[in-house]
Amino acid sequence: MFIRLTAETADRTQLTAPILANMSPLSNRTVATIGSGVMAESIIAGLLRGKLVGPGQIIGSEPRPERRQELERQYGVRMTG
């Protein structure tokens, strides 16, 4: 089965995204990662891309300062050491 993406489909997706985000079980939660390596970054990126949570709802821990700064800059999430 193939879904054909058109401008109309994209417009509908943009309209329904806020509604779906409010229906998400994560809408009123904080998501935390312990150790913010490649897998944690993928989870963070997917949650933000899918608009399931906002950057203010994510906090990550990472011992390396340069990695913390990278994730803070790239995704706007809170990081701690």
Protein backbone atom coordinates (compact mmCIF):
# COMPACT_ATOMS: atom_id res chain seq x y z
CA MET A 1 0.00 0.00 0.00
CA PHE A 2 1.33 3.39 -0.98
CA ILE A 3 0.21 6.78 0.28
CA ARG A 4 0.48 9.55 -2.24
CA LEU A 5 1.75 12.77 -0.70
CA THR A 6 0.38 15.90 -2.28
CA ALA A 7 0.22 19.54 -1.29
CA GLU A 8 -3.29 18.88 0.02
CA THR A 9 -2.04 15.99 2.17
CA ALA A 10 0.77 18.15 3.55
CA ASP A 11 -1.71 20.92 4.41
CA ARG A 12 -3.93 18.45 6.28
CA THR A 13 -0.92 17.08 8.17
CA GLN A 14 0.02 20.58 9.29
CA LEU A 15 -3.53 21.21 10.49
CA THR A 16 -3.83 17.95 12.44
CA ALA A 17 -0.36 17.98 14.04
CA PRO A 18 -1.35 20.28 16.97
CA ILE A 19 -4.46 18.20 17.61
CA LEU A 20 -2.50 14.96 17.63
CA ALA A 21 0.16 16.48 19.90
CA ASN A 22 -2.52 17.36 22.46
CA MET A 23 -3.77 13.77 22.34
CA SER A 24 -0.30 12.38 22.98
CA PRO A 25 0.16 10.62 26.33
CA LEU A 26 3.38 12.63 26.60
CA SER A 27 1.73 16.05 26.23
CA ASN A 28 1.92 16.82 29.97
CA ARG A 29 5.06 14.85 30.77
CA THR A 30 8.79 15.43 30.98
CA VAL A 31 11.04 13.01 29.13
CA ALA A 32 14.52 12.37 30.56
CA THR A 33 17.48 10.53 29.10
CA ILE A 34 20.31 9.15 31.17
CA GLY A 35 23.35 9.28 28.98
CA SER A 36 22.73 11.20 25.79
CA GLY A 37 24.47 9.23 23.09
CA VAL A 38 23.30 8.42 19.59
CA MET A 39 20.22 6.45 20.70
CA ALA A 40 19.04 9.18 23.07
CA GLU A 41 19.60 11.80 20.38
CA SER A 42 17.48 9.76 17.95
CA ILE A 43 14.67 9.55 20.51
CA ILE A 44 14.89 13.29 21.23
CA ALA A 45 14.88 14.16 17.52
CA GLY A 46 11.90 11.88 16.84
CA LEU A 47 9.85 13.25 19.72
CA LEU A 48 10.50 16.81 18.60
CA ARG A 49 10.01 16.10 14.89
CA GLY A 50 6.70 14.38 15.63
CA LYS A 51 5.70 17.28 17.88
CA LEU A 52 4.88 14.83 20.66
CA VAL A 53 6.72 17.04 23.16
CA GLY A 54 8.39 20.44 23.07
CA PRO A 55 12.08 21.11 23.84
CA GLY A 56 11.12 22.35 27.31
CA GLN A 57 9.73 18.91 28.14
CA ILE A 58 13.05 17.11 27.55
CA ILE A 59 16.01 16.93 29.89
CA GLY A 60 19.11 14.86 29.30
CA SER A 61 22.14 13.93 31.32
CA GLU A 62 25.58 13.59 29.80
CA PRO A 63 28.99 13.64 31.48
CA ARG A 64 30.80 15.28 28.52
CA PRO A 65 30.34 19.08 28.46
CA GLU A 66 30.84 19.36 24.69
CA ARG A 67 28.09 16.80 24.03
CA ARG A 68 25.71 18.63 26.41
CA GLN A 69 26.34 21.89 24.59
CA GLU A 70 25.83 20.25 21.19
CA LEU A 71 22.41 18.83 22.14
CA GLU A 72 21.33 22.06 23.84
CA ARG A 73 22.27 24.05 20.74
CA GLN A 74 20.82 21.64 18.18
CA TYR A 75 17.51 20.75 19.87
CA GLY A 76 16.98 23.44 22.52
CA VAL A 77 16.64 20.85 25.31
CA ARG A 78 17.89 21.13 28.88
CA MET A 79 21.03 19.16 29.71
CA THR A 80 22.80 18.37 32.94
CA GLY A 81 26.11 16.75 33.85
